[in-house]
C-alpha atoms as a PDB file:
ATOM      1  CA  MET A   1      74.815   0.220 -17.409  1.00  0.00           C
ATOM      2  CA  LYS A   2      73.618   1.883 -14.981  1.00  0.00           C
ATOM      3  CA  LYS A   3      74.580  -0.735 -12.275  1.00  0.00           C
ATOM      4  CA  GLU A   4      77.704  -0.295 -13.039  1.00  0.00           C
ATOM      5  CA  PHE A   5      78.065   3.327 -13.932  1.00  0.00           C
ATOM      6  CA  ARG A   6      76.521   3.813 -10.252  1.00  0.00           C
ATOM      7  CA  LYS A   7      78.926   2.128  -8.521  1.00  0.00           C
ATOM      8  CA  LYS A   8      82.004   3.495  -9.913  1.00  0.00           C
ATOM      9  CA  VAL A   9      80.725   7.014  -9.454  1.00  0.00           C
ATOM     10  CA  ILE A  10      79.993   5.658  -5.518  1.00  0.00           C
ATOM     11  CA  SER A  11      83.061   4.063  -5.437  1.00  0.00           C
ATOM     12  CA  ASP A  12      84.879   7.301  -6.646  1.00  0.00           C
ATOM     13  CA  ARG A  13      82.822   9.322  -4.186  1.00  0.00           C
ATOM     14  CA  ASN A  14      83.809   7.260  -1.205  1.00  0.00           C
ATOM     15  CA  ASN A  15      87.674   7.417  -2.031  1.00  0.00           C
ATOM     16  CA  GLN A  16      87.612  11.013  -1.448  1.00  0.00           C
ATOM     17  CA  ASN A  17      89.719  12.258   1.549  1.00  0.00           C
ATOM     18  CA  TYR A  18      87.777  13.246   4.445  1.00  0.00           C
ATOM     19  CA  GLU A  19      89.089  16.418   4.765  1.00  0.00           C
ATOM     20  CA  SER A  20      88.259  17.543   1.766  1.00  0.00           C
ATOM     21  CA  LEU A  21      85.096  16.209   1.392  1.00  0.00           C
ATOM     22  CA  CYS A  22      84.167  18.740   4.553  1.00  0.00           C
ATOM     23  CA  LYS A  23      85.823  21.675   2.926  1.00  0.00           C
ATOM     24  CA  ASN A  24      83.768  21.023  -0.337  1.00  0.00           C
ATOM     25  CA  SER A  25      80.704  20.575   1.262  1.00  0.00           C
ATOM     26  CA  SER A  26      81.573  24.108   3.495  1.00  0.00           C
ATOM     27  CA  ILE A  27      81.968  25.293  -0.251  1.00  0.00           C
ATOM     28  CA  ILE A  28      78.625  24.218  -1.705  1.00  0.00           C
ATOM     29  CA  THR A  29      76.605  25.012   1.396  1.00  0.00           C
ATOM     30  CA  GLN A  30      77.367  29.079   0.829  1.00  0.00           C
ATOM     31  CA  LYS A  31      76.740  28.637  -2.841  1.00  0.00           C
ATOM     32  CA  ILE A  32      73.288  27.633  -1.789  1.00  0.00           C
ATOM     33  CA  LEU A  33      72.728  29.973   0.731  1.00  0.00           C
ATOM     34  CA  ALA A  34      73.639  32.660  -1.693  1.00  0.00           C
ATOM     35  CA  LEU A  35      70.895  31.621  -3.904  1.00  0.00           C
ATOM     36  CA  ASP A  36      67.866  33.517  -4.362  1.00  0.00           C
ATOM     37  CA  CYS A  37      65.523  30.949  -4.560  1.00  0.00           C
ATOM     38  CA  ILE A  38      66.939  30.329  -0.985  1.00  0.00           C
ATOM     39  CA  LYS A  39      66.433  33.242   0.415  1.00  0.00           C
ATOM     40  CA  LYS A  40      63.200  33.615  -0.718  1.00  0.00           C
ATOM     41  CA  ALA A  41      61.646  29.773   0.341  1.00  0.00           C
ATOM     42  CA  LYS A  42      60.202  29.378   3.599  1.00  0.00           C
ATOM     43  CA  ASN A  43      59.855  25.757   3.379  1.00  0.00           C
ATOM     44  CA  ILE A  44      62.893  23.778   2.026  1.00  0.00           C
ATOM     45  CA  MET A  45      63.334  19.880   2.142  1.00  0.00           C
ATOM     46  CA  LEU A  46      66.965  18.213   2.315  1.00  0.00           C
ATOM     47  CA  TYR A  47      68.335  14.932   2.254  1.00  0.00           C
ATOM     48  CA  LEU A  48      70.446  13.948   5.410  1.00  0.00           C
ATOM     49  CA  ASP A  49      73.661  13.110   4.412  1.00  0.00           C
ATOM     50  CA  PHE A  50      75.017   9.104   4.175  1.00  0.00           C
ATOM     51  CA  ASN A  51      78.134   7.329   2.672  1.00  0.00           C
ATOM     52  CA  ASN A  52      80.043  10.789   1.773  1.00  0.00           C
ATOM     53  CA  GLU A  53      77.615  12.566  -0.045  1.00  0.00           C
ATOM     54  CA  VAL A  54      77.801  16.244   0.021  1.00  0.00           C
ATOM     55  CA  LYS A  55      77.337  17.040   3.820  1.00  0.00           C
ATOM     56  CA  THR A  56      74.188  18.826   4.883  1.00  0.00           C
ATOM     57  CA  ASP A  57      74.308  19.241   8.653  1.00  0.00           C
ATOM     58  CA  GLU A  58      75.983  22.729   8.224  1.00  0.00           C
ATOM     59  CA  LEU A  59      73.414  23.641   5.769  1.00  0.00           C
ATOM     60  CA  ILE A  60      70.377  22.696   8.346  1.00  0.00           C
ATOM     61  CA  VAL A  61      71.896  24.376  11.104  1.00  0.00           C
ATOM     62  CA  LYS A  62      72.020  27.767   9.106  1.00  0.00           C
ATOM     63  CA  LEU A  63      68.350  27.207   7.383  1.00  0.00           C
ATOM     64  CA  LEU A  64      67.136  26.886  10.790  1.00  0.00           C
ATOM     65  CA  SER A  65      68.796  29.966  12.357  1.00  0.00           C
ATOM     66  CA  LEU A  66      67.377  31.691   9.382  1.00  0.00           C
ATOM     67  CA  GLY A  67      63.862  31.135  10.673  1.00  0.00           C
ATOM     68  CA  LYS A  68      63.015  28.522   7.499  1.00  0.00           C
ATOM     69  CA  THR A  69      60.954  25.458   7.807  1.00  0.00           C
ATOM     70  CA  VAL A  70      63.525  22.944   7.316  1.00  0.00           C
ATOM     71  CA  SER A  71      62.317  19.132   6.650  1.00  0.00           C
ATOM     72  CA  SER A  72      63.753  15.800   5.391  1.00  0.00           C
ATOM     73  CA  PRO A  73      62.205  12.568   4.195  1.00  0.00           C
ATOM     74  CA  ILE A  74      60.965   9.954   6.185  1.00  0.00           C
ATOM     75  CA  THR A  75      61.244   6.945   3.881  1.00  0.00           C
ATOM     76  CA  ILE A  76      58.303   4.087   3.389  1.00  0.00           C
ATOM     77  CA  LYS A  77      60.447   1.406   1.416  1.00  0.00           C
ATOM     78  CA  GLU A  78      57.372  -0.595   0.981  1.00  0.00           C
ATOM     79  CA  GLU A  79      55.182   2.198  -0.769  1.00  0.00           C
ATOM     80  CA  LYS A  80      58.684   3.739  -2.762  1.00  0.00           C
ATOM     81  CA  LYS A  81      57.508   7.172  -0.634  1.00  0.00           C
ATOM     82  CA  LEU A  82      59.290  10.022   0.771  1.00  0.00           C
ATOM     83  CA  ILE A  83      57.290  11.705   3.411  1.00  0.00           C
ATOM     84  CA  PRO A  84      59.011  15.138   4.304  1.00  0.00           C
ATOM     85  CA  SER A  85      59.022  15.830   8.204  1.00  0.00           C
ATOM     86  CA  GLN A  86      60.362  18.608  10.027  1.00  0.00           C
ATOM     87  CA  ILE A  87      63.649  18.844  11.284  1.00  0.00           C
ATOM     88  CA  ILE A  88      63.074  20.395  15.188  1.00  0.00           C
ATOM     89  CA  ASP A  89      66.269  19.400  16.439  1.00  0.00           C
ATOM     90  CA  LEU A  90      69.280  18.206  14.373  1.00  0.00           C
ATOM     91  CA  LYS A  91      71.433  16.178  17.359  1.00  0.00           C
ATOM     92  CA  ASP A  92      68.007  14.184  19.360  1.00  0.00           C
ATOM     93  CA  GLY A  93      65.299  14.521  16.422  1.00  0.00           C
ATOM     94  CA  VAL A  94      67.127  12.014  14.268  1.00  0.00           C
ATOM     95  CA  LYS A  95      67.157   8.108  13.915  1.00  0.00           C
ATOM     96  CA  ILE A  96      68.729   5.853  11.357  1.00  0.00           C
ATOM     97  CA  GLY A  97      66.024   5.037   9.120  1.00  0.00           C
ATOM     98  CA  ALA A  98      65.726   2.906   5.671  1.00  0.00           C
ATOM     99  CA  TYR A  99      68.761   1.842   3.996  1.00  0.00           C
ATOM    100  CA  GLY A 100      70.562   3.084   6.923  1.00  0.00           C
ATOM    101  CA  ILE A 101      69.957   6.661   5.994  1.00  0.00           C
ATOM    102  CA  ARG A 102      69.483   9.300   8.690  1.00  0.00           C
ATOM    103  CA  GLU A 103      66.137  10.693   8.781  1.00  0.00           C
ATOM    104  CA  PRO A 104      63.791  12.386  11.199  1.00  0.00           C
ATOM    105  CA  LYS A 105      62.070  10.808  14.069  1.00  0.00           C
ATOM    106  CA  PRO A 106      58.617  10.299  13.076  1.00  0.00           C
ATOM    107  CA  GLU A 107      57.438  11.715  17.187  1.00  0.00           C
ATOM    108  CA  CYS A 108      58.887  14.940  17.183  1.00  0.00           C
ATOM    109  CA  SER A 109      58.853  15.703  13.604  1.00  0.00           C
ATOM    110  CA  PRO A 110      55.496  16.725  12.219  1.00  0.00           C
ATOM    111  CA  GLU A 111      55.109  15.810   8.280  1.00  0.00           C
ATOM    112  CA  VAL A 112      55.138  18.594   5.877  1.00  0.00           C
ATOM    113  CA  GLU A 113      52.401  18.991   2.935  1.00  0.00           C
ATOM    114  CA  VAL A 114      54.285  18.385  -0.464  1.00  0.00           C
ATOM    115  CA  LYS A 115      52.517  21.415  -1.845  1.00  0.00           C
ATOM    116  CA  ASP A 116      53.929  23.664   0.908  1.00  0.00           C
ATOM    117  CA  ILE A 117      57.384  22.822  -0.206  1.00  0.00           C
ATOM    118  CA  ASP A 118      59.110  25.611  -1.905  1.00  0.00           C
ATOM    119  CA  VAL A 119      62.771  24.164  -2.625  1.00  0.00           C
ATOM    120  CA  VAL A 120      64.390  20.433  -2.538  1.00  0.00           C
ATOM    121  CA  ILE A 121      67.799  19.760  -2.393  1.00  0.00           C
ATOM    122  CA  VAL A 122      67.906  16.123  -3.876  1.00  0.00           C
ATOM    123  CA  PRO A 123      71.118  13.640  -3.783  1.00  0.00           C
ATOM    124  CA  ALA A 124      72.164  11.643  -6.098  1.00  0.00           C
ATOM    125  CA  VAL A 125      74.886   9.288  -7.434  1.00  0.00           C
ATOM    126  CA  ALA A 126      75.372  11.557 -10.727  1.00  0.00           C
ATOM    127  CA  TYR A 127      74.239  14.484 -12.848  1.00  0.00           C
ATOM    128  CA  ASP A 128      74.710  15.313 -16.099  1.00  0.00           C
ATOM    129  CA  LYS A 129      75.532  18.639 -17.837  1.00  0.00           C
ATOM    130  CA  ASP A 130      71.705  19.249 -18.358  1.00  0.00           C
ATOM    131  CA  CYS A 131      70.737  18.759 -14.701  1.00  0.00           C
ATOM    132  CA  TYR A 132      69.813  15.417 -15.353  1.00  0.00           C
ATOM    133  CA  ARG A 133      70.248  13.050 -11.983  1.00  0.00           C
ATOM    134  CA  LEU A 134      71.306   9.802 -11.505  1.00  0.00           C
ATOM    135  CA  GLY A 135      69.599   8.318  -8.507  1.00  0.00           C
ATOM    136  CA  TYR A 136      70.454   5.370  -6.634  1.00  0.00           C
ATOM    137  CA  GLY A 137      67.716   3.579  -8.593  1.00  0.00           C
ATOM    138  CA  GLY A 138      64.442   3.051  -5.899  1.00  0.00           C
ATOM    139  CA  GLY A 139      62.584   6.228  -8.436  1.00  0.00           C
ATOM    140  CA  PHE A 140      61.961   7.643  -4.587  1.00  0.00           C
ATOM    141  CA  TYR A 141      63.193  11.184  -5.368  1.00  0.00           C
ATOM    142  CA  ASP A 142      61.663  11.133  -8.841  1.00  0.00           C
ATOM    143  CA  ARG A 143      58.477   9.974  -7.751  1.00  0.00           C
ATOM    144  CA  PHE A 144      58.489  12.671  -5.209  1.00  0.00           C
ATOM    145  CA  ILE A 145      59.374  15.513  -7.457  1.00  0.00           C
ATOM    146  CA  GLU A 146      56.688  14.813  -9.322  1.00  0.00           C
ATOM    147  CA  ARG A 147      54.114  15.720  -6.672  1.00  0.00           C
ATOM    148  CA  LEU A 148      55.815  18.978  -6.175  1.00  0.00           C
ATOM    149  CA  ARG A 149      53.907  22.393  -6.738  1.00  0.00           C
ATOM    150  CA  GLU A 150      54.730  24.027 -10.517  1.00  0.00           C
ATOM    151  CA  ASP A 151      56.928  26.432  -8.931  1.00  0.00           C
ATOM    152  CA  ALA A 152      58.813  24.410  -6.502  1.00  0.00           C
ATOM    153  CA  ILE A 153      62.181  24.565  -7.096  1.00  0.00           C
ATOM    154  CA  THR A 154      64.866  21.484  -7.666  1.00  0.00           C
ATOM    155  CA  VAL A 155      68.566  21.286  -6.564  1.00  0.00           C
ATOM    156  CA  GLY A 156      70.909  18.764  -6.738  1.00  0.00           C
ATOM    157  CA  ILE A 157      73.959  19.201  -5.184  1.00  0.00           C
ATOM    158  CA  ALA A 158      77.260  16.828  -5.787  1.00  0.00           C
ATOM    159  CA  PHE A 159      81.146  17.276  -5.640  1.00  0.00           C
ATOM    160  CA  ASP A 160      82.753  18.017  -9.300  1.00  0.00           C
ATOM    161  CA  LEU A 161      83.465  14.204  -9.598  1.00  0.00           C
ATOM    162  CA  GLN A 162      79.702  13.282  -9.757  1.00  0.00           C
ATOM    163  CA  ILE A 163      79.336  15.526 -13.041  1.00  0.00           C
ATOM    164  CA  PHE A 164      79.181  14.077 -16.241  1.00  0.00           C
ATOM    165  CA  ASP A 165      78.407  15.119 -20.069  1.00  0.00           C
ATOM    166  CA  SER A 166      75.600  12.521 -19.943  1.00  0.00           C
ATOM    167  CA  VAL A 167      74.025   9.612 -17.236  1.00  0.00           C
ATOM    168  CA  PRO A 168      72.357   7.081 -18.451  1.00  0.00           C
ATOM    169  CA  LYS A 169      68.396   8.568 -17.911  1.00  0.00           C
ATOM    170  CA  GLU A 170      64.654   6.907 -18.784  1.00  0.00           C
ATOM    171  CA  ASP A 171      61.659   9.127 -19.639  1.00  0.00           C
ATOM    172  CA  HIS A 172      60.404   9.434 -16.077  1.00  0.00           C
ATOM    173  CA  ASP A 173      63.842  10.715 -14.422  1.00  0.00           C
ATOM    174  CA  ALA A 174      63.252  14.503 -13.771  1.00  0.00           C
ATOM    175  CA  GLN A 175      65.663  17.572 -14.886  1.00  0.00           C
ATOM    176  CA  LEU A 176      66.638  19.872 -12.254  1.00  0.00           C
ATOM    177  CA  ASP A 177      66.333  23.487 -11.860  1.00  0.00           C
ATOM    178  CA  TYR A 178      69.754  23.794 -10.451  1.00  0.00           C
ATOM    179  CA  ILE A 179      72.925  21.294  -9.854  1.00  0.00           C
ATOM    180  CA  ILE A 180      75.542  22.881  -7.351  1.00  0.00           C
ATOM    181  CA  THR A 181      79.043  21.472  -7.224  1.00  0.00           C
ATOM    182  CA  GLU A 182      82.341  23.489  -5.143  1.00  0.00           C
ATOM    183  CA  SER A 183      83.281  24.892  -8.471  1.00  0.00           C
ATOM    184  CA  GLN A 184      79.854  25.574 -10.544  1.00  0.00           C
ATOM    185  CA  ILE A 185      76.261  26.189 -10.526  1.00  0.00           C
ATOM    186  CA  LEU A 186      74.823  24.310 -13.485  1.00  0.00           C
ATOM    187  CA  THR A 187      71.169  25.675 -15.021  1.00  0.00           C
ATOM    188  CA  PRO A 188      69.490  23.388 -17.584  1.00  0.00           C
ATOM    189  CA  ASN A 189      69.876  24.381 -21.093  1.00  0.00           C
ATOM    190  CA  LYS A 190      66.279  24.720 -22.236  1.00  0.00           C
ATOM    191  CA  PHE A 191      66.401  26.717 -25.037  1.00  0.00           C
END
């Protein structure tokens, strides 16, 4: 069930027109920058977009211009592990890594301590309205989120077409603090 669901959502996401993908990514970027947790954060980790995900380059440039420490994960496939590595130069400090996803070049991107991260912006295939995510199936982010400080904030970003009443989930799947789309900001109903 998870596999078919993933496939359908990825297909829908890939069928978006490029102009609206860019426009909606910009809207989402502005909403993220307006969040208090982002304004207060010193150290923010986020993904480098891939395969019609919400575009993150504009957000990275703006966060760097605000003096934030910005990192992205280097994926260690064999260990199913993400290593947060500082982005110094988005143009020349990035390469294609595991799974064909852009990641910081290790030689010019110092590793960031997981306990120093204030906010993590995570990718996903889909989210539900209670802020659970359906990832790509490797469990990399679920494992990573477990290692964060208790007060670290987790933010999912997605397009409206990736939000559902419920998504297939398991006990180890992480519930995020926010989901931001072009039209809404969701927070979990924890009451």
